[in-house]
């Protein structure tokens, strides 16, 4: 089973496409979701947009009409793609992320926009396959956070990234134990085809390409990417918890999802404080 059996791309609309939809459709005919933080929303948002910060999205799906097309947006298009992935996974059939976010809407030219990965995970794999996939992605995240924590100068951000790297190592150990119980095999779970441990991040983003992208980026931009990654991870663990048959495995996956939720909340809180 290859990479693209596990991840499906998220649909993106340009600012021009979004403007056309908002102009030609009647008010309320689509879900327009701003997934930024409250301070960002208050500084300016699209007319009629509902604020649902990405860390709250999973708990507030009931506020959105699944029968309507949905457009997500953020500052630059990174968080909104992760949000679109979450909504697609939750059964929303027409979901589109606004490419470039509010920066593009306001006419700013994206400087090296993040266009890699952050797809959603729709595959109904067996528990053993899902554990193996998660193990491979956790290792990629661990390497990413370790590298970033050494490069970022902002002290609180560097500390958060170090803690995230340590958490990924703990998650790997949890998954290793769960895999041994489910499969009866010791050692590290065998990675899925084309998904060697450490090569990819959450959402299917290639590690090396992502490390190139973050060079020269602001702390806020790196945080946005990390938030999107953790949102993908949260969504995947919730899905896995619902999919497995035995209660113990379900408890493990849901415990992992709760930890991912805490990571999201901590990073979004820091992003709020860093915003001018």
C-alpha atoms as a PDB file:
ATOM      1  CA  UNK A   1       0.000   0.000   0.000  1.00  0.00           C
ATOM      2  CA  UNK A   2       1.575   3.293  -1.104  1.00  0.00           C
ATOM      3  CA  UNK A   3       1.523   6.861   0.109  1.00  0.00           C
ATOM      4  CA  UNK A   4      -1.464   7.962  -1.948  1.00  0.00           C
ATOM      5  CA  UNK A   5      -3.595   5.130  -0.633  1.00  0.00           C
ATOM      6  CA  UNK A   6      -3.335   6.776   2.780  1.00  0.00           C
ATOM      7  CA  UNK A   7      -3.634  10.464   1.918  1.00  0.00           C
ATOM      8  CA  UNK A   8      -6.009  12.295  -0.399  1.00  0.00           C
ATOM      9  CA  UNK A   9      -5.394  15.892  -1.518  1.00  0.00           C
ATOM     10  CA  UNK A  10      -7.412  18.791  -0.187  1.00  0.00           C
ATOM     11  CA  UNK A  11      -9.262  20.981  -2.691  1.00  0.00           C
ATOM     12  CA  UNK A  12      -8.036  24.586  -2.888  1.00  0.00           C
ATOM     13  CA  UNK A  13      -9.806  27.577  -4.397  1.00  0.00           C
ATOM     14  CA  UNK A  14      -8.065  30.759  -5.433  1.00  0.00           C
ATOM     15  CA  UNK A  15      -9.118  34.101  -3.974  1.00  0.00           C
ATOM     16  CA  UNK A  16     -10.789  34.892  -7.302  1.00  0.00           C
ATOM     17  CA  UNK A  17     -12.858  31.701  -7.141  1.00  0.00           C
ATOM     18  CA  UNK A  18     -13.912  32.471  -3.581  1.00  0.00           C
ATOM     19  CA  UNK A  19     -14.853  36.049  -4.503  1.00  0.00           C
ATOM     20  CA  UNK A  20     -16.986  34.730  -7.364  1.00  0.00           C
ATOM     21  CA  UNK A  21     -18.791  32.242  -5.121  1.00  0.00           C
ATOM     22  CA  UNK A  22     -19.475  34.846  -2.442  1.00  0.00           C
ATOM     23  CA  UNK A  23     -20.678  37.328  -5.054  1.00  0.00           C
ATOM     24  CA  UNK A  24     -22.920  34.959  -6.999  1.00  0.00           C
ATOM     25  CA  UNK A  25     -24.374  32.822  -4.202  1.00  0.00           C
ATOM     26  CA  UNK A  26     -27.013  34.057  -1.793  1.00  0.00           C
ATOM     27  CA  UNK A  27     -25.934  34.833   1.775  1.00  0.00           C
ATOM     28  CA  UNK A  28     -25.811  31.722   3.925  1.00  0.00           C
ATOM     29  CA  UNK A  29     -25.730  29.293   1.003  1.00  0.00           C
ATOM     30  CA  UNK A  30     -22.262  28.067   1.964  1.00  0.00           C
ATOM     31  CA  UNK A  31     -20.240  27.618   5.140  1.00  0.00           C
ATOM     32  CA  UNK A  32     -17.511  30.245   5.274  1.00  0.00           C
ATOM     33  CA  UNK A  33     -15.191  29.299   8.132  1.00  0.00           C
ATOM     34  CA  UNK A  34     -12.371  31.429   9.522  1.00  0.00           C
ATOM     35  CA  UNK A  35     -10.047  29.050  11.400  1.00  0.00           C
ATOM     36  CA  UNK A  36      -7.699  31.706  12.782  1.00  0.00           C
ATOM     37  CA  UNK A  37      -7.549  32.960  16.365  1.00  0.00           C
ATOM     38  CA  UNK A  38     -10.070  35.499  17.751  1.00  0.00           C
ATOM     39  CA  UNK A  39      -7.576  38.378  17.658  1.00  0.00           C
ATOM     40  CA  UNK A  40      -6.852  37.705  13.989  1.00  0.00           C
ATOM     41  CA  UNK A  41     -10.555  37.530  13.215  1.00  0.00           C
ATOM     42  CA  UNK A  42     -11.263  40.808  14.972  1.00  0.00           C
ATOM     43  CA  UNK A  43      -8.548  42.561  12.981  1.00  0.00           C
ATOM     44  CA  UNK A  44     -10.418  41.784   9.762  1.00  0.00           C
ATOM     45  CA  UNK A  45     -12.386  38.885   8.247  1.00  0.00           C
ATOM     46  CA  UNK A  46     -14.480  37.975   5.229  1.00  0.00           C
ATOM     47  CA  UNK A  47     -18.121  39.118   5.318  1.00  0.00           C
ATOM     48  CA  UNK A  48     -20.356  36.463   6.841  1.00  0.00           C
ATOM     49  CA  UNK A  49     -17.474  34.257   8.028  1.00  0.00           C
ATOM     50  CA  UNK A  50     -17.969  32.159  11.146  1.00  0.00           C
ATOM     51  CA  UNK A  51     -14.983  32.059  13.493  1.00  0.00           C
ATOM     52  CA  UNK A  52     -14.050  28.516  14.530  1.00  0.00           C
ATOM     53  CA  UNK A  53     -10.364  28.397  15.569  1.00  0.00           C
ATOM     54  CA  UNK A  54      -8.726  25.259  14.267  1.00  0.00           C
ATOM     55  CA  UNK A  55      -8.134  23.903  17.786  1.00  0.00           C
ATOM     56  CA  UNK A  56     -11.917  23.977  18.356  1.00  0.00           C
ATOM     57  CA  UNK A  57     -13.030  22.670  14.980  1.00  0.00           C
ATOM     58  CA  UNK A  58     -13.471  19.015  15.941  1.00  0.00           C
ATOM     59  CA  UNK A  59     -15.797  19.935  18.815  1.00  0.00           C
ATOM     60  CA  UNK A  60     -17.867  22.414  16.782  1.00  0.00           C
ATOM     61  CA  UNK A  61     -18.684  20.479  13.623  1.00  0.00           C
ATOM     62  CA  UNK A  62     -22.343  20.564  14.610  1.00  0.00           C
ATOM     63  CA  UNK A  63     -22.419  24.310  13.973  1.00  0.00           C
ATOM     64  CA  UNK A  64     -21.933  23.745  10.249  1.00  0.00           C
ATOM     65  CA  UNK A  65     -24.458  22.501   7.688  1.00  0.00           C
ATOM     66  CA  UNK A  66     -22.951  19.438   6.018  1.00  0.00           C
ATOM     67  CA  UNK A  67     -25.256  19.831   3.014  1.00  0.00           C
ATOM     68  CA  UNK A  68     -23.668  23.159   2.037  1.00  0.00           C
ATOM     69  CA  UNK A  69     -20.343  23.784   0.305  1.00  0.00           C
ATOM     70  CA  UNK A  70     -17.682  24.827   2.828  1.00  0.00           C
ATOM     71  CA  UNK A  71     -14.808  27.273   2.398  1.00  0.00           C
ATOM     72  CA  UNK A  72     -12.072  27.481   5.016  1.00  0.00           C
ATOM     73  CA  UNK A  73      -9.491  30.235   5.288  1.00  0.00           C
ATOM     74  CA  UNK A  74      -6.752  31.498   7.606  1.00  0.00           C
ATOM     75  CA  UNK A  75      -3.834  33.906   7.358  1.00  0.00           C
ATOM     76  CA  UNK A  76      -1.796  32.183   4.669  1.00  0.00           C
ATOM     77  CA  UNK A  77      -3.643  29.000   3.709  1.00  0.00           C
ATOM     78  CA  UNK A  78      -1.752  26.521   5.908  1.00  0.00           C
ATOM     79  CA  UNK A  79      -4.167  26.130   8.815  1.00  0.00           C
ATOM     80  CA  UNK A  80      -7.147  26.248   6.462  1.00  0.00           C
ATOM     81  CA  UNK A  81      -5.874  23.248   4.488  1.00  0.00           C
ATOM     82  CA  UNK A  82      -5.619  21.212   7.681  1.00  0.00           C
ATOM     83  CA  UNK A  83      -9.128  22.385   8.610  1.00  0.00           C
ATOM     84  CA  UNK A  84     -10.422  21.365   5.182  1.00  0.00           C
ATOM     85  CA  UNK A  85      -8.826  17.948   5.680  1.00  0.00           C
ATOM     86  CA  UNK A  86     -10.611  17.587   9.025  1.00  0.00           C
ATOM     87  CA  UNK A  87     -13.964  18.540   7.496  1.00  0.00           C
ATOM     88  CA  UNK A  88     -13.498  16.223   4.513  1.00  0.00           C
ATOM     89  CA  UNK A  89     -12.697  13.368   6.868  1.00  0.00           C
ATOM     90  CA  UNK A  90     -15.808  14.243   8.915  1.00  0.00           C
ATOM     91  CA  UNK A  91     -18.050  13.721   5.883  1.00  0.00           C
ATOM     92  CA  UNK A  92     -18.396  17.230   4.446  1.00  0.00           C
ATOM     93  CA  UNK A  93     -18.545  16.529   0.725  1.00  0.00           C
ATOM     94  CA  UNK A  94     -17.706  19.933  -0.780  1.00  0.00           C
ATOM     95  CA  UNK A  95     -14.806  21.488   1.121  1.00  0.00           C
ATOM     96  CA  UNK A  96     -12.317  23.992  -0.268  1.00  0.00           C
ATOM     97  CA  UNK A  97      -9.417  25.831   1.357  1.00  0.00           C
ATOM     98  CA  UNK A  98      -8.774  29.396   0.171  1.00  0.00           C
ATOM     99  CA  UNK A  99      -5.222  29.393  -1.178  1.00  0.00           C
ATOM    100  CA  UNK A 100      -3.051  32.132   0.272  1.00  0.00           C
ATOM    101  CA  UNK A 101      -5.577  33.012   2.981  1.00  0.00           C
ATOM    102  CA  UNK A 102      -6.226  36.593   4.058  1.00  0.00           C
ATOM    103  CA  UNK A 103      -2.797  37.574   2.786  1.00  0.00           C
ATOM    104  CA  UNK A 104      -3.880  36.746  -0.765  1.00  0.00           C
ATOM    105  CA  UNK A 105      -7.339  38.245  -0.219  1.00  0.00           C
ATOM    106  CA  UNK A 106      -5.694  41.542   0.747  1.00  0.00           C
ATOM    107  CA  UNK A 107      -3.479  41.466  -2.326  1.00  0.00           C
ATOM    108  CA  UNK A 108      -0.270  40.345  -0.668  1.00  0.00           C
ATOM    109  CA  UNK A 109       1.997  38.115  -2.721  1.00  0.00           C
ATOM    110  CA  UNK A 110       2.789  34.884  -0.937  1.00  0.00           C
ATOM    111  CA  UNK A 111       6.496  34.505  -0.271  1.00  0.00           C
ATOM    112  CA  UNK A 112       7.118  30.810  -0.680  1.00  0.00           C
ATOM    113  CA  UNK A 113       3.659  29.563   0.232  1.00  0.00           C
ATOM    114  CA  UNK A 114       3.508  26.142   1.848  1.00  0.00           C
ATOM    115  CA  UNK A 115       2.060  23.813  -0.790  1.00  0.00           C
ATOM    116  CA  UNK A 116       3.314  20.416   0.360  1.00  0.00           C
ATOM    117  CA  UNK A 117       1.155  17.735   1.886  1.00  0.00           C
ATOM    118  CA  UNK A 118      -1.470  18.372   4.555  1.00  0.00           C
ATOM    119  CA  UNK A 119      -3.903  16.009   2.927  1.00  0.00           C
ATOM    120  CA  UNK A 120      -6.562  14.032   4.704  1.00  0.00           C
ATOM    121  CA  UNK A 121      -6.602  10.404   5.748  1.00  0.00           C
ATOM    122  CA  UNK A 122      -9.704   8.590   4.475  1.00  0.00           C
ATOM    123  CA  UNK A 123      -8.413   5.046   4.175  1.00  0.00           C
ATOM    124  CA  UNK A 124     -10.207   2.342   6.164  1.00  0.00           C
ATOM    125  CA  UNK A 125      -7.042   0.434   6.968  1.00  0.00           C
ATOM    126  CA  UNK A 126      -6.617  -2.406   9.429  1.00  0.00           C
ATOM    127  CA  UNK A 127      -5.502  -1.509  12.963  1.00  0.00           C
ATOM    128  CA  UNK A 128      -2.004  -2.863  12.307  1.00  0.00           C
ATOM    129  CA  UNK A 129      -1.636  -0.698   9.180  1.00  0.00           C
ATOM    130  CA  UNK A 130      -2.872   2.397  10.993  1.00  0.00           C
ATOM    131  CA  UNK A 131      -0.418   1.833  13.828  1.00  0.00           C
ATOM    132  CA  UNK A 132       2.455   1.401  11.361  1.00  0.00           C
ATOM    133  CA  UNK A 133       1.502   4.587   9.532  1.00  0.00           C
ATOM    134  CA  UNK A 134       1.269   6.535  12.784  1.00  0.00           C
ATOM    135  CA  UNK A 135       4.664   5.271  13.930  1.00  0.00           C
ATOM    136  CA  UNK A 136       6.301   6.409  10.675  1.00  0.00           C
ATOM    137  CA  UNK A 137       4.703   9.862  10.886  1.00  0.00           C
ATOM    138  CA  UNK A 138       5.557  10.323  14.566  1.00  0.00           C
ATOM    139  CA  UNK A 139       9.233   9.770  13.748  1.00  0.00           C
ATOM    140  CA  UNK A 140       9.055  12.370  10.975  1.00  0.00           C
ATOM    141  CA  UNK A 141       7.464  14.854  13.349  1.00  0.00           C
ATOM    142  CA  UNK A 142      10.051  14.105  16.020  1.00  0.00           C
ATOM    143  CA  UNK A 143      12.918  14.906  13.662  1.00  0.00           C
ATOM    144  CA  UNK A 144      11.145  18.058  12.460  1.00  0.00           C
ATOM    145  CA  UNK A 145      10.501  19.414  15.952  1.00  0.00           C
ATOM    146  CA  UNK A 146      14.029  18.581  17.090  1.00  0.00           C
ATOM    147  CA  UNK A 147      15.517  20.513  14.175  1.00  0.00           C
ATOM    148  CA  UNK A 148      13.173  23.458  14.588  1.00  0.00           C
ATOM    149  CA  UNK A 149      13.703  23.718  18.350  1.00  0.00           C
ATOM    150  CA  UNK A 150      17.419  24.271  17.734  1.00  0.00           C
ATOM    151  CA  UNK A 151      16.867  26.933  15.071  1.00  0.00           C
ATOM    152  CA  UNK A 152      14.063  29.027  16.541  1.00  0.00           C
ATOM    153  CA  UNK A 153      15.246  31.983  18.625  1.00  0.00           C
ATOM    154  CA  UNK A 154      11.965  32.750  20.409  1.00  0.00           C
ATOM    155  CA  UNK A 155      12.398  31.019  23.785  1.00  0.00           C
ATOM    156  CA  UNK A 156       8.833  29.862  24.440  1.00  0.00           C
ATOM    157  CA  UNK A 157       8.415  28.567  20.900  1.00  0.00           C
ATOM    158  CA  UNK A 158      11.708  26.662  21.086  1.00  0.00           C
ATOM    159  CA  UNK A 159      10.590  25.132  24.395  1.00  0.00           C
ATOM    160  CA  UNK A 160       7.249  24.057  22.916  1.00  0.00           C
ATOM    161  CA  UNK A 161       8.947  22.459  19.933  1.00  0.00           C
ATOM    162  CA  UNK A 162      11.353  20.568  22.217  1.00  0.00           C
ATOM    163  CA  UNK A 163       8.420  19.270  24.258  1.00  0.00           C
ATOM    164  CA  UNK A 164       6.608  18.258  21.080  1.00  0.00           C
ATOM    165  CA  UNK A 165       9.638  16.288  19.925  1.00  0.00           C
ATOM    166  CA  UNK A 166       9.750  14.496  23.280  1.00  0.00           C
ATOM    167  CA  UNK A 167       6.020  13.795  23.050  1.00  0.00           C
ATOM    168  CA  UNK A 168       6.457  12.230  19.612  1.00  0.00           C
ATOM    169  CA  UNK A 169       9.073   9.875  21.067  1.00  0.00           C
ATOM    170  CA  UNK A 170       6.622   8.849  23.798  1.00  0.00           C
ATOM    171  CA  UNK A 171       3.926   8.334  21.174  1.00  0.00           C
ATOM    172  CA  UNK A 172       6.269   6.043  19.257  1.00  0.00           C
ATOM    173  CA  UNK A 173       6.806   3.918  22.346  1.00  0.00           C
ATOM    174  CA  UNK A 174       3.048   3.724  22.929  1.00  0.00           C
ATOM    175  CA  UNK A 175       2.490   2.688  19.318  1.00  0.00           C
ATOM    176  CA  UNK A 176       5.322   0.152  19.511  1.00  0.00           C
ATOM    177  CA  UNK A 177       3.652  -1.516  22.499  1.00  0.00           C
ATOM    178  CA  UNK A 178       0.224  -1.393  20.879  1.00  0.00           C
ATOM    179  CA  UNK A 179       1.586  -2.892  17.659  1.00  0.00           C
ATOM    180  CA  UNK A 180       3.193  -5.782  19.576  1.00  0.00           C
ATOM    181  CA  UNK A 181      -0.134  -6.552  21.235  1.00  0.00           C
ATOM    182  CA  UNK A 182      -2.186  -6.282  18.029  1.00  0.00           C
ATOM    183  CA  UNK A 183       0.224  -8.090  15.701  1.00  0.00           C
ATOM    184  CA  UNK A 184       2.128 -10.367  18.080  1.00  0.00           C
ATOM    185  CA  UNK A 185       5.414  -9.016  16.653  1.00  0.00           C
ATOM    186  CA  UNK A 186       8.135  -7.248  18.618  1.00  0.00           C
ATOM    187  CA  UNK A 187      10.296  -4.323  17.511  1.00  0.00           C
ATOM    188  CA  UNK A 188       9.301  -1.285  15.486  1.00  0.00           C
ATOM    189  CA  UNK A 189       6.194  -1.568  13.308  1.00  0.00           C
ATOM    190  CA  UNK A 190       7.055  -2.187   9.662  1.00  0.00           C
ATOM    191  CA  UNK A 191       6.470   1.041   7.748  1.00  0.00           C
ATOM    192  CA  UNK A 192       3.922   1.156   4.915  1.00  0.00           C
ATOM    193  CA  UNK A 193       5.264   1.048   1.364  1.00  0.00           C
ATOM    194  CA  UNK A 194       7.018   4.326   0.398  1.00  0.00           C
ATOM    195  CA  UNK A 195       6.544   5.615   3.958  1.00  0.00           C
ATOM    196  CA  UNK A 196       9.855   4.948   5.678  1.00  0.00           C
ATOM    197  CA  UNK A 197       9.835   6.222   9.254  1.00  0.00           C
ATOM    198  CA  UNK A 198      11.082   9.794   9.357  1.00  0.00           C
ATOM    199  CA  UNK A 199      10.554  10.655   5.687  1.00  0.00           C
ATOM    200  CA  UNK A 200       7.094  12.195   6.045  1.00  0.00           C
ATOM    201  CA  UNK A 201       5.197  14.402   8.459  1.00  0.00           C
ATOM    202  CA  UNK A 202       1.543  14.446   9.454  1.00  0.00           C
ATOM    203  CA  UNK A 203      -0.675  14.845   6.416  1.00  0.00           C
ATOM    204  CA  UNK A 204       1.895  13.255   4.107  1.00  0.00           C
ATOM    205  CA  UNK A 205       4.225  16.265   3.854  1.00  0.00           C
ATOM    206  CA  UNK A 206       7.828  15.264   2.946  1.00  0.00           C
ATOM    207  CA  UNK A 207      10.178  16.076   5.827  1.00  0.00           C
ATOM    208  CA  UNK A 208      13.127  17.368   3.811  1.00  0.00           C
ATOM    209  CA  UNK A 209      10.993  19.645   1.627  1.00  0.00           C
ATOM    210  CA  UNK A 210       9.322  21.044   4.719  1.00  0.00           C
ATOM    211  CA  UNK A 211      12.653  21.729   6.427  1.00  0.00           C
ATOM    212  CA  UNK A 212      13.733  23.672   3.332  1.00  0.00           C
ATOM    213  CA  UNK A 213      10.481  25.645   3.392  1.00  0.00           C
ATOM    214  CA  UNK A 214      10.847  26.755   7.035  1.00  0.00           C
ATOM    215  CA  UNK A 215      14.272  28.311   6.447  1.00  0.00           C
ATOM    216  CA  UNK A 216      13.959  32.052   6.928  1.00  0.00           C
ATOM    217  CA  UNK A 217      10.324  31.836   8.042  1.00  0.00           C
ATOM    218  CA  UNK A 218       9.014  33.723  11.066  1.00  0.00           C
ATOM    219  CA  UNK A 219       8.102  31.977  14.306  1.00  0.00           C
ATOM    220  CA  UNK A 220       4.445  32.694  13.518  1.00  0.00           C
ATOM    221  CA  UNK A 221       4.705  30.979  10.133  1.00  0.00           C
ATOM    222  CA  UNK A 222       6.398  27.910  11.629  1.00  0.00           C
ATOM    223  CA  UNK A 223       3.793  27.770  14.386  1.00  0.00           C
ATOM    224  CA  UNK A 224       1.026  27.859  11.786  1.00  0.00           C
ATOM    225  CA  UNK A 225       2.560  24.861  10.069  1.00  0.00           C
ATOM    226  CA  UNK A 226       2.999  22.988  13.360  1.00  0.00           C
ATOM    227  CA  UNK A 227      -0.625  23.741  14.278  1.00  0.00           C
ATOM    228  CA  UNK A 228      -1.766  22.331  10.946  1.00  0.00           C
ATOM    229  CA  UNK A 229       0.335  19.209  11.467  1.00  0.00           C
ATOM    230  CA  UNK A 230      -1.035  18.620  14.965  1.00  0.00           C
ATOM    231  CA  UNK A 231      -4.591  19.143  13.683  1.00  0.00           C
ATOM    232  CA  UNK A 232      -3.973  16.400  11.126  1.00  0.00           C
ATOM    233  CA  UNK A 233      -2.612  14.142  13.861  1.00  0.00           C
ATOM    234  CA  UNK A 234      -5.562  14.837  16.149  1.00  0.00           C
ATOM    235  CA  UNK A 235      -8.003  14.013  13.377  1.00  0.00           C
ATOM    236  CA  UNK A 236      -6.195  10.768  12.531  1.00  0.00           C
ATOM    237  CA  UNK A 237      -6.084   9.485  16.114  1.00  0.00           C
ATOM    238  CA  UNK A 238      -9.772  10.240  16.609  1.00  0.00           C
ATOM    239  CA  UNK A 239     -10.543   8.317  13.418  1.00  0.00           C
ATOM    240  CA  UNK A 240      -8.353   5.413  14.497  1.00  0.00           C
ATOM    241  CA  UNK A 241      -9.994   5.302  17.916  1.00  0.00           C
ATOM    242  CA  UNK A 242     -13.371   4.960  16.267  1.00  0.00           C
ATOM    243  CA  UNK A 243     -12.203   2.360  13.772  1.00  0.00           C
ATOM    244  CA  UNK A 244     -10.499  -0.240  15.977  1.00  0.00           C
ATOM    245  CA  UNK A 245     -12.541  -3.080  17.410  1.00  0.00           C
ATOM    246  CA  UNK A 246     -10.976  -3.725  20.817  1.00  0.00           C
ATOM    247  CA  UNK A 247     -11.543  -1.385  23.742  1.00  0.00           C
ATOM    248  CA  UNK A 248      -7.898  -1.187  24.859  1.00  0.00           C
ATOM    249  CA  UNK A 249      -6.691  -0.006  21.439  1.00  0.00           C
ATOM    250  CA  UNK A 250      -9.526   2.493  21.319  1.00  0.00           C
ATOM    251  CA  UNK A 251      -8.487   3.903  24.691  1.00  0.00           C
ATOM    252  CA  UNK A 252      -4.874   4.277  23.514  1.00  0.00           C
ATOM    253  CA  UNK A 253      -5.832   6.156  20.354  1.00  0.00           C
ATOM    254  CA  UNK A 254      -8.236   8.447  22.179  1.00  0.00           C
ATOM    255  CA  UNK A 255      -5.583   9.171  24.828  1.00  0.00           C
ATOM    256  CA  UNK A 256      -3.184  10.130  22.021  1.00  0.00           C
ATOM    257  CA  UNK A 257      -5.867  12.365  20.492  1.00  0.00           C
ATOM    258  CA  UNK A 258      -6.337  14.158  23.830  1.00  0.00           C
ATOM    259  CA  UNK A 259      -2.616  14.850  24.013  1.00  0.00           C
ATOM    260  CA  UNK A 260      -2.647  16.207  20.452  1.00  0.00           C
ATOM    261  CA  UNK A 261      -5.529  18.485  21.451  1.00  0.00           C
ATOM    262  CA  UNK A 262      -3.425  19.890  24.308  1.00  0.00           C
ATOM    263  CA  UNK A 263      -0.557  20.514  21.877  1.00  0.00           C
ATOM    264  CA  UNK A 264      -2.917  22.403  19.598  1.00  0.00           C
ATOM    265  CA  UNK A 265      -4.248  24.543  22.411  1.00  0.00           C
ATOM    266  CA  UNK A 266      -0.767  25.433  23.643  1.00  0.00           C
ATOM    267  CA  UNK A 267       0.480  26.417  20.197  1.00  0.00           C
ATOM    268  CA  UNK A 268      -2.596  28.462  19.297  1.00  0.00           C
ATOM    269  CA  UNK A 269      -2.297  30.261  22.631  1.00  0.00           C
ATOM    270  CA  UNK A 270       1.332  31.152  21.839  1.00  0.00           C
ATOM    271  CA  UNK A 271       0.357  32.258  18.328  1.00  0.00           C
ATOM    272  CA  UNK A 272      -2.194  34.622  19.907  1.00  0.00           C
ATOM    273  CA  UNK A 273       0.477  36.149  22.141  1.00  0.00           C
ATOM    274  CA  UNK A 274       2.957  36.584  19.300  1.00  0.00           C
ATOM    275  CA  UNK A 275       0.504  38.411  17.038  1.00  0.00           C
ATOM    276  CA  UNK A 276       1.096  42.189  17.044  1.00  0.00           C
END
